[in-house]
Protein backbone atom coordinates (compact mmCIF):
# COMPACT_ATOMS: atom_id res chain seq x y z
CA MET A 1 -20.42 -11.83 6.19
CA SER A 2 -18.43 -10.11 3.45
CA GLN A 3 -19.94 -9.32 0.08
CA PRO A 4 -17.58 -8.73 -2.85
CA GLY A 5 -18.52 -5.98 -5.28
CA THR A 6 -20.62 -3.90 -2.87
CA ASP A 7 -20.00 -0.15 -3.03
CA LEU A 8 -18.66 1.83 -0.09
CA ALA A 9 -21.32 3.74 1.82
CA ARG A 10 -21.43 7.52 1.19
CA LYS A 11 -21.97 8.49 4.84
CA LEU A 12 -19.29 11.16 5.38
CA HIS A 13 -20.44 14.79 5.57
CA ASN A 14 -18.37 17.93 4.97
CA ARG A 15 -17.49 18.24 8.67
CA HIS A 16 -16.23 14.64 8.66
CA ILE A 17 -14.15 15.17 5.49
CA GLN A 18 -12.59 18.38 6.84
CA LEU A 19 -11.69 16.91 10.22
CA ILE A 20 -10.50 13.54 8.84
CA ALA A 21 -7.96 15.26 6.61
CA LEU A 22 -7.00 17.73 9.33
CA GLY A 23 -6.81 14.98 11.94
CA GLY A 24 -4.66 12.79 9.73
CA THR A 25 -2.21 15.63 9.20
CA ILE A 26 -1.91 17.20 12.66
CA GLY A 27 -0.24 14.39 14.54
CA VAL A 28 3.19 13.41 15.79
CA GLY A 29 4.93 15.53 13.14
CA LEU A 30 3.78 18.67 14.96
CA PHE A 31 3.31 17.47 18.51
CA LEU A 32 6.51 15.42 18.85
CA GLY A 33 8.63 15.65 15.68
CA SER A 34 8.82 19.43 15.90
CA ALA A 35 10.81 19.11 19.15
CA LYS A 36 13.90 17.69 17.45
CA ALA A 37 13.39 19.97 14.42
CA ILE A 38 13.36 23.08 16.67
CA HIS A 39 16.50 21.81 18.40
CA ASN A 40 18.26 21.48 15.02
CA ALA A 41 17.06 24.60 13.16
CA GLY A 42 15.66 26.97 15.78
CA PRO A 43 13.26 29.62 14.41
CA GLY A 44 14.41 28.65 10.91
CA LEU A 45 11.91 25.81 11.22
CA LEU A 46 9.17 28.36 10.47
CA LEU A 47 10.75 28.91 7.05
CA ALA A 48 10.80 25.16 6.40
CA TYR A 49 7.09 24.84 7.28
CA ALA A 50 6.23 27.86 5.12
CA VAL A 51 8.06 26.50 2.05
CA GLY A 52 6.62 23.03 2.61
CA GLY A 53 3.16 24.55 3.03
CA VAL A 54 3.38 26.29 -0.35
CA ALA A 55 4.27 22.97 -1.99
CA ILE A 56 1.36 21.26 -0.23
CA PHE A 57 -1.00 24.03 -1.41
CA PHE A 58 -0.28 23.26 -5.06
CA ILE A 59 -0.35 19.49 -4.52
CA MET A 60 -3.78 19.78 -2.93
CA ARG A 61 -5.12 22.06 -5.65
CA ALA A 62 -3.95 19.53 -8.24
CA LEU A 63 -5.66 16.74 -6.31
CA GLY A 64 -8.79 18.88 -5.85
CA GLU A 65 -9.07 19.35 -9.61
CA LEU A 66 -8.77 15.61 -10.18
CA LEU A 67 -11.32 14.89 -7.44
CA THR A 68 -13.93 17.15 -9.01
CA TYR A 69 -13.24 15.50 -12.38
CA ARG A 70 -14.17 12.06 -10.97
CA PRO A 71 -14.57 11.45 -7.19
CA VAL A 72 -13.63 7.84 -6.38
CA ALA A 73 -12.15 6.00 -3.39
CA GLY A 74 -8.38 5.55 -3.63
CA SER A 75 -8.40 8.53 -5.96
CA PHE A 76 -4.74 9.13 -6.76
CA ALA A 77 -4.13 5.47 -7.58
CA SER A 78 -7.16 5.45 -9.89
CA TYR A 79 -6.12 8.70 -11.57
CA ALA A 80 -2.54 7.47 -12.01
CA ASP A 81 -3.90 4.32 -13.65
CA GLU A 82 -6.06 6.38 -16.01
CA PHE A 83 -3.60 9.12 -16.99
CA CYS A 84 -0.15 7.56 -16.41
CA GLY A 85 -0.76 3.85 -16.99
CA PRO A 86 -1.48 0.68 -14.99
CA LEU A 87 2.06 0.33 -13.61
CA PRO A 88 2.15 3.84 -12.01
CA GLY A 89 -1.38 3.21 -10.69
CA PHE A 90 -0.27 -0.07 -9.15
CA VAL A 91 2.88 1.45 -7.60
CA THR A 92 0.95 4.47 -6.28
CA GLY A 93 -1.77 2.44 -4.59
CA TRP A 94 0.66 0.08 -2.87
CA SER A 95 3.12 2.86 -1.97
CA TYR A 96 0.39 4.90 -0.33
CA TRP A 97 -0.65 1.84 1.65
CA PHE A 98 3.01 1.34 2.62
CA ALA A 99 3.37 5.00 3.68
CA TRP A 100 0.39 4.88 6.00
CA VAL A 101 1.43 1.55 7.50
CA ALA A 102 4.77 3.15 8.44
CA THR A 103 3.01 6.29 9.63
CA VAL A 104 0.81 4.32 12.00
CA MET A 105 4.00 2.73 13.36
CA ALA A 106 5.22 6.27 14.11
CA GLU A 107 1.92 7.24 15.73
CA ILE A 108 1.82 4.23 18.06
CA THR A 109 5.49 4.90 18.89
CA ALA A 110 4.54 8.43 19.93
CA ILE A 111 1.73 7.05 22.10
CA GLY A 112 4.25 4.81 23.84
CA ILE A 113 6.53 7.81 24.47
CA TYR A 114 3.68 10.00 25.74
CA VAL A 115 2.41 7.37 28.19
CA ARG A 116 5.91 7.13 29.68
CA PHE A 117 5.53 10.81 30.67
CA TRP A 118 3.21 9.53 33.42
CA LEU A 119 4.46 5.95 33.77
CA PRO A 120 8.20 5.89 33.03
CA GLY A 121 8.44 2.25 34.08
CA VAL A 122 6.04 1.03 31.38
CA PRO A 123 7.85 -0.47 28.36
CA GLN A 124 7.33 1.67 25.25
CA TRP A 125 5.89 -1.20 23.20
CA LEU A 126 2.95 -1.93 25.53
CA PRO A 127 0.91 1.30 25.05
CA SER A 128 1.68 1.02 21.33
CA LEU A 129 0.09 -2.43 21.20
CA VAL A 130 -2.98 -1.38 23.21
CA ALA A 131 -3.58 1.70 21.02
CA LEU A 132 -3.31 -0.30 17.81
CA GLY A 133 -5.75 -2.90 19.12
CA VAL A 134 -8.39 -0.36 20.16
CA LEU A 135 -8.25 1.62 16.90
CA TYR A 136 -8.24 -1.55 14.82
CA GLY A 137 -11.55 -2.49 16.45
CA ALA A 138 -13.01 0.98 15.86
CA ASN A 139 -12.21 0.83 12.16
CA LEU A 140 -14.22 -2.36 11.71
CA LEU A 141 -17.40 -0.43 12.60
CA ALA A 142 -19.55 1.43 10.06
CA VAL A 143 -17.82 4.35 8.33
CA ARG A 144 -20.20 6.86 9.95
CA VAL A 145 -18.97 5.69 13.37
CA PHE A 146 -15.38 6.13 12.20
CA GLY A 147 -16.23 9.61 10.89
CA GLU A 148 -17.75 10.67 14.21
CA LEU A 149 -14.81 9.27 16.19
CA GLU A 150 -12.28 11.02 13.97
CA PHE A 151 -14.30 14.25 14.04
CA TRP A 152 -14.05 14.45 17.83
CA PHE A 153 -10.43 13.24 17.90
CA ALA A 154 -9.44 15.97 15.47
CA LEU A 155 -11.59 18.61 17.16
CA ILE A 156 -9.68 18.07 20.43
CA LYS A 157 -6.41 18.74 18.59
CA VAL A 158 -7.73 21.85 16.90
CA VAL A 159 -9.14 23.29 20.14
CA THR A 160 -5.83 22.61 21.91
CA ILE A 161 -3.75 24.37 19.26
CA VAL A 162 -6.13 27.34 19.17
CA ALA A 163 -6.00 27.53 22.99
CA LEU A 164 -2.20 27.49 22.87
CA ILE A 165 -2.10 30.26 20.27
CA LEU A 166 -4.60 32.47 22.11
CA ALA A 167 -3.09 31.87 25.56
CA GLY A 168 0.41 32.37 24.19
CA LEU A 169 -0.51 35.65 22.49
CA ALA A 170 -2.08 36.88 25.74
CA VAL A 171 1.13 36.06 27.64
CA ILE A 172 3.29 37.77 24.99
CA VAL A 173 1.16 40.92 24.69
CA PHE A 174 0.09 41.41 28.34
CA HIS A 175 3.08 39.69 30.03
CA MET A 176 0.79 37.47 32.08
CA GLY A 177 1.66 34.39 34.13
CA ALA A 178 4.93 32.62 34.88
CA LEU A 179 6.37 33.22 31.40
CA GLY A 180 5.17 36.81 31.11
CA ALA A 181 8.46 38.39 32.14
CA THR A 182 10.55 36.69 29.44
CA ALA A 183 7.99 35.92 26.71
CA SER A 184 8.60 38.05 23.63
CA VAL A 185 8.59 37.82 19.85
CA SER A 186 12.26 38.84 20.10
CA ASN A 187 13.00 35.31 21.37
CA LEU A 188 12.81 34.33 17.69
CA TRP A 189 16.04 36.20 16.86
CA SER A 190 17.74 36.83 20.22
CA HIS A 191 19.37 33.40 20.50
CA GLY A 192 21.56 33.07 17.44
CA GLY A 193 19.33 34.84 14.91
CA LEU A 194 16.42 33.63 12.79
CA LEU A 195 18.66 31.03 11.12
CA PRO A 196 21.04 29.95 13.92
CA GLY A 197 22.09 26.82 12.05
CA GLY A 198 22.10 28.40 8.60
CA VAL A 199 20.15 27.38 5.50
CA LEU A 200 21.51 23.83 5.64
CA ALA A 201 19.93 23.25 9.07
CA VAL A 202 16.59 24.41 7.66
CA LEU A 203 16.92 22.05 4.69
CA LEU A 204 17.70 19.14 6.99
CA THR A 205 14.40 19.66 8.83
CA LEU A 206 12.40 19.16 5.63
CA GLN A 207 12.18 15.42 6.36
CA ILE A 208 10.09 15.89 9.51
CA VAL A 209 8.31 18.95 8.08
CA MET A 210 7.01 17.08 5.04
CA PHE A 211 6.22 14.04 7.16
CA ALA A 212 4.16 16.36 9.36
CA TYR A 213 2.08 17.38 6.33
CA GLU A 214 1.43 13.75 5.39
CA GLY A 215 -2.27 13.00 5.62
CA VAL A 216 -3.57 16.14 3.95
CA GLU A 217 -4.24 14.02 0.85
CA LEU A 218 -6.71 11.89 2.86
CA ILE A 219 -9.41 14.04 1.28
CA GLY A 220 -8.81 11.94 -1.83
CA VAL A 221 -9.29 8.65 -0.01
CA THR A 222 -12.60 9.85 1.47
CA ALA A 223 -13.96 10.80 -1.97
CA GLY A 224 -15.75 7.45 -2.42
CA GLU A 225 -17.63 7.84 0.87
CA SER A 226 -18.53 11.55 0.86
CA GLN A 227 -21.99 12.95 0.29
CA ASN A 228 -22.31 15.51 -2.53
CA PRO A 229 -18.59 15.30 -3.47
CA ALA A 230 -18.79 18.02 -6.15
CA VAL A 231 -19.52 20.59 -3.42
CA VAL A 232 -17.80 19.06 -0.39
CA LEU A 233 -14.40 18.18 -1.88
CA PRO A 234 -13.44 21.64 -3.29
CA ARG A 235 -14.55 23.29 -0.06
CA ALA A 236 -12.53 20.82 2.00
CA THR A 237 -9.49 21.19 -0.26
CA ASN A 238 -9.44 24.98 0.01
CA GLY A 239 -10.22 25.05 3.72
CA ILE A 240 -7.63 22.53 4.83
CA ILE A 241 -4.68 24.49 3.39
CA ALA A 242 -5.28 27.71 5.32
CA ARG A 243 -6.04 25.88 8.55
CA ILE A 244 -2.92 23.75 8.47
CA LEU A 245 -0.69 26.74 7.79
CA ILE A 246 -2.32 28.66 10.64
CA PHE A 247 -2.06 25.75 13.05
CA TYR A 248 1.53 24.82 12.22
CA LEU A 249 3.08 28.24 11.71
CA GLY A 250 0.92 29.90 14.35
CA ALA A 251 1.60 27.28 17.03
CA LEU A 252 5.36 27.15 16.42
CA PHE A 253 5.61 30.96 16.28
CA VAL A 254 3.91 31.22 19.68
CA ILE A 255 5.93 28.37 21.25
CA MET A 256 9.29 29.86 20.25
CA SER A 257 8.15 33.33 21.38
CA LEU A 258 7.04 32.08 24.79
CA VAL A 259 10.21 30.09 25.47
CA PRO A 260 13.64 30.56 23.84
CA TRP A 261 14.10 27.70 21.42
CA THR A 262 17.37 26.79 23.13
CA GLU A 263 15.43 25.79 26.28
CA LEU A 264 13.10 23.32 24.58
CA ASP A 265 13.79 19.62 25.17
CA PRO A 266 14.31 17.75 21.85
CA LYS A 267 12.92 14.57 23.43
CA MET A 268 9.73 16.13 24.78
CA SER A 269 6.67 17.55 23.04
CA PRO A 270 7.07 21.35 22.95
CA PHE A 271 3.33 21.62 23.65
CA VAL A 272 3.67 19.67 26.90
CA PHE A 273 6.80 21.64 27.78
CA VAL A 274 5.25 25.07 27.21
CA PHE A 275 1.93 24.36 28.92
CA GLY A 276 3.90 23.02 31.89
CA LYS A 277 5.88 26.29 32.01
CA LEU A 278 2.71 28.40 31.98
CA GLY A 279 2.20 27.45 35.63
CA LEU A 280 -1.37 26.16 35.26
CA PRO A 281 -2.07 23.23 37.66
CA GLY A 282 -2.05 19.94 35.78
CA ALA A 283 -1.64 21.67 32.41
CA ALA A 284 1.23 19.45 31.27
CA SER A 285 -0.73 16.28 32.04
CA VAL A 286 -3.82 17.56 30.25
CA ILE A 287 -1.79 18.45 27.14
CA ASN A 288 -0.02 15.11 27.30
CA LEU A 289 -3.45 13.45 27.15
CA VAL A 290 -4.35 15.66 24.20
CA VAL A 291 -1.22 14.71 22.26
CA ILE A 292 -1.99 11.04 22.90
CA THR A 293 -5.42 11.72 21.39
CA ALA A 294 -3.68 13.44 18.47
CA ALA A 295 -1.51 10.42 17.75
CA ALA A 296 -4.53 8.12 18.10
CA SER A 297 -6.43 10.30 15.63
CA SER A 298 -3.71 10.06 12.99
CA CYS A 299 -3.41 6.31 13.61
CA ASN A 300 -7.17 6.05 13.16
CA SER A 301 -6.90 7.82 9.80
CA GLY A 302 -4.07 5.50 8.80
CA LEU A 303 -6.12 2.37 9.41
CA PHE A 304 -8.99 3.96 7.48
CA SER A 305 -6.87 4.83 4.44
CA THR A 306 -4.93 1.55 4.22
CA GLY A 307 -8.12 -0.52 4.23
CA ARG A 308 -9.67 1.63 1.48
CA MET A 309 -6.52 1.54 -0.66
CA LEU A 310 -6.32 -2.26 -0.53
CA TRP A 311 -10.01 -2.37 -1.48
CA THR A 312 -9.35 -0.09 -4.47
CA LEU A 313 -6.36 -2.17 -5.60
CA ALA A 314 -8.37 -5.39 -5.33
CA GLN A 315 -11.19 -3.84 -7.36
CA ARG A 316 -8.69 -3.28 -10.17
CA GLY A 317 -7.20 -6.79 -9.87
CA GLN A 318 -3.95 -5.44 -8.37
CA ALA A 319 -4.33 -7.01 -4.93
CA PRO A 320 -5.71 -10.35 -3.69
CA ARG A 321 -9.44 -10.70 -4.44
CA ALA A 322 -10.22 -11.15 -0.74
CA PHE A 323 -9.56 -7.43 -0.23
CA ALA A 324 -12.39 -6.55 -2.67
CA ALA A 325 -15.01 -7.80 -0.21
CA LEU A 326 -16.86 -5.52 2.20
CA SER A 327 -18.26 -6.45 5.59
CA ARG A 328 -21.94 -6.24 6.46
CA GLU A 329 -21.29 -2.63 7.54
CA ARG A 330 -19.81 -1.95 4.05
CA VAL A 331 -16.30 -1.56 5.47
CA PRO A 332 -13.23 -3.12 3.75
CA ALA A 333 -12.56 -5.34 6.76
CA ALA A 334 -10.11 -7.70 5.03
CA GLY A 335 -7.84 -4.79 4.11
CA ILE A 336 -8.01 -3.44 7.66
CA HIS A 337 -7.14 -6.90 9.07
CA ALA A 338 -4.08 -7.20 6.80
CA SER A 339 -2.91 -3.63 7.40
CA ALA A 340 -3.16 -3.94 11.18
CA ALA A 341 -1.21 -7.21 11.07
CA VAL A 342 1.69 -5.50 9.27
CA MET A 343 1.49 -2.54 11.65
CA LEU A 344 2.37 -4.93 14.48
CA LEU A 345 5.94 -4.61 13.20
CA GLY A 346 5.87 -1.16 14.80
CA VAL A 347 5.21 -2.76 18.17
CA ALA A 348 8.17 -5.09 17.58
CA LEU A 349 10.44 -2.14 16.69
CA ASN A 350 9.38 -0.36 19.87
CA TYR A 351 10.56 -3.44 21.74
CA LEU A 352 13.84 -3.82 19.83
CA VAL A 353 15.02 -0.23 19.12
CA PRO A 354 12.80 2.16 21.13
CA GLU A 355 15.25 5.08 20.88
CA ARG A 356 15.59 5.03 17.08
CA VAL A 357 12.23 3.74 15.86
CA PHE A 358 10.48 7.14 15.50
CA THR A 359 12.99 8.74 13.11
CA MET A 360 13.37 5.50 11.16
CA VAL A 361 9.68 4.89 10.49
CA THR A 362 8.86 8.56 9.75
CA SER A 363 11.59 8.56 7.09
CA ILE A 364 10.35 5.31 5.57
CA ALA A 365 6.79 6.64 5.56
CA LEU A 366 7.94 9.79 3.78
CA ILE A 367 9.24 7.78 0.79
CA GLY A 368 5.76 6.46 -0.02
CA THR A 369 4.20 9.85 0.61
CA LEU A 370 6.66 11.72 -1.63
CA TRP A 371 5.91 9.22 -4.41
CA THR A 372 2.17 9.79 -3.92
CA TRP A 373 2.48 13.59 -3.99
CA GLY A 374 4.77 13.39 -7.01
CA ILE A 375 2.41 11.15 -8.94
CA ILE A 376 -0.49 13.51 -8.15
CA LEU A 377 1.46 16.32 -9.86
CA VAL A 378 2.42 14.19 -12.88
CA THR A 379 -1.11 12.79 -13.18
CA HIS A 380 -2.57 16.27 -13.03
CA ALA A 381 -0.27 17.47 -15.84
CA ASN A 382 -1.29 14.46 -17.96
CA TYR A 383 -4.95 15.11 -17.15
CA ARG A 384 -4.65 18.71 -18.35
CA ARG A 385 -3.14 17.41 -21.63
CA ALA A 386 -6.05 14.97 -21.96
CA VAL A 387 -8.52 17.83 -21.44
CA ALA A 388 -6.77 19.92 -24.09
CA ALA A 389 -6.95 16.97 -26.51
CA GLY A 390 -10.64 16.40 -25.79
CA ARG A 391 -10.10 12.99 -24.14
CA ALA A 392 -11.31 14.08 -20.67
CA ALA A 393 -13.87 16.50 -19.31
CA ALA A 394 -12.61 19.73 -17.75
CA ALA A 395 -13.12 20.05 -13.99
CA PRO A 396 -14.72 23.19 -12.53
CA PHE A 397 -12.07 23.39 -9.78
CA ARG A 398 -8.65 24.18 -11.29
CA MET A 399 -5.08 24.40 -10.02
CA PRO A 400 -3.34 27.73 -10.77
CA GLY A 401 0.05 27.85 -12.50
CA ALA A 402 -0.08 24.50 -14.28
CA PRO A 403 1.97 22.95 -15.79
CA TRP A 404 5.04 24.93 -14.65
CA VAL A 405 4.12 24.74 -10.98
CA ASN A 406 3.77 20.95 -11.28
CA TRP A 407 7.42 20.57 -12.26
CA LEU A 408 8.72 23.11 -9.71
CA VAL A 409 6.98 21.35 -6.83
CA LEU A 410 8.13 17.98 -8.18
CA ALA A 411 11.74 19.24 -8.11
CA PHE A 412 11.22 20.31 -4.49
CA LEU A 413 10.03 16.79 -3.59
CA VAL A 414 13.17 15.34 -5.23
CA LEU A 415 15.26 17.70 -3.07
CA VAL A 416 13.51 16.47 0.08
CA THR A 417 14.24 12.87 -0.95
CA ALA A 418 17.92 13.65 -1.50
CA ILE A 419 18.21 15.26 1.94
CA LEU A 420 17.38 11.93 3.61
CA VAL A 421 20.94 10.76 2.87
CA ARG A 422 22.40 13.24 5.38
CA ASP A 423 21.27 11.46 8.58
CA PRO A 424 21.99 7.77 9.34
CA ASP A 425 18.51 7.26 10.81
CA THR A 426 16.73 8.84 7.81
CA ARG A 427 19.14 7.18 5.37
CA VAL A 428 17.50 3.83 6.15
CA ALA A 429 14.55 4.99 4.04
CA LEU A 430 16.83 5.14 0.97
CA TYR A 431 17.89 1.55 1.65
CA VAL A 432 14.27 0.41 1.98
CA ALA A 433 13.02 2.33 -1.10
CA PRO A 434 14.77 0.31 -3.86
CA VAL A 435 13.79 -2.95 -2.17
CA TRP A 436 10.17 -1.82 -1.94
CA PHE A 437 9.94 -0.58 -5.52
CA GLY A 438 11.74 -3.71 -6.71
CA LEU A 439 9.13 -5.87 -4.98
CA LEU A 440 6.38 -3.79 -6.59
CA GLY A 441 7.96 -4.28 -10.02
CA LEU A 442 8.12 -8.02 -9.46
CA GLY A 443 4.54 -8.10 -8.20
CA TYR A 444 3.27 -6.17 -11.21
CA TRP A 445 5.16 -8.45 -13.59
CA ARG A 446 3.55 -11.48 -11.93
CA ILE A 447 0.08 -9.95 -12.34
CA VAL A 448 0.66 -9.16 -16.02
CA ALA A 449 2.11 -12.63 -16.63
CA ALA A 450 -0.88 -14.26 -14.92
CA ARG A 451 -3.34 -12.23 -17.00
CA GLY A 452 -1.47 -13.16 -20.17
CA GLY A 453 -1.64 -16.84 -19.24
CA ARG A 454 -5.39 -16.66 -18.64
CA ALA A 455 -5.89 -14.84 -21.97
CA ALA A 456 -3.88 -17.50 -23.81
CA ARG A 457 -5.90 -20.32 -22.24
CA ALA A 458 -9.14 -18.57 -23.20
């Protein structure tokens, strides 16, 4: 039975919050998407991740300040509604839902690709369908069960990346194993320099780089189900930044030092490739299993966040009322049902265009994510003005450099959006964006018109 109006259960501890956000972020962007990015930009990809990481740092500090002001589920949509107006709140909530739906399509696509490493005769769409079905079922369980599942999913990814970094450093320093003779930090500049494709090549990788960081804002979605949010959320916000930068920059630094970037296969996970080259028996298969777990983890987070966002929108009267109901386990089951149904389009795309689907859906997902990050920055600036005017309480956790940093990072996000026009596969996102935002405008107008009609009849 579903019960409208019941609150979400606050059953997520600090370890769950940390690993949910980390697990949602470290997915196909690093494990698979980095392969093509390395092929295009070489070691210059490290610069792209560093610049993107700085932008993410300020976005997360802005979100952290808003979270400590008022921790609620679907946070950025609620804050946009409060400090920017009901239309931005409506667009933000639905766009974030849209972004994660597309992201899950990318994750299940990656699972299909990874399974073909062992079973090349299996059609790419079949593992995608199986993975979506299993994780859909898991998300209908109590949130504590989801938190535990995601904790262990994410922990596997973290342990794998740490193992790669430590093993890689041992090979580089002590010249151990099959790669010991050629592994060297000099591989970063010995094959065309640090920027073999120039600055433009680095800029063109920002699409996959920023997609790879998508999910870090999941801390905001978990706010309504975290215990002691005033303590947990700032700690999680600060901790996640350093860890992501270490895992991304550290892992890519080691990979391109172990193997010249020119030898990496753009169609194969660099993690699988490098562990296979280390000469350890079965290492490539073990890492392939890990990267499947990584994609499943991010998919799991996507189903979690889309269900909560639809619940938040329904609570504000901006989505069908059915989504405002919670199951007996206090899970927004109706939102999860609807989200999973739309995600089945990803299975269809894996059947129709298996070679192009990954780049297409990651670009489409990035549009919704860039909007969400941008609105966090604008909302934060408006919140600071409200605090100065005495209309809102000051939060104890503050973002440095406001408001100038807000506008600088916002300009960077606009640059990333403009870069999508350069590639035909990423350009599809710019065709989808006006249609999507047009539909949102029409939907909002219908809601306002319906409310006006009810008011007139009253």
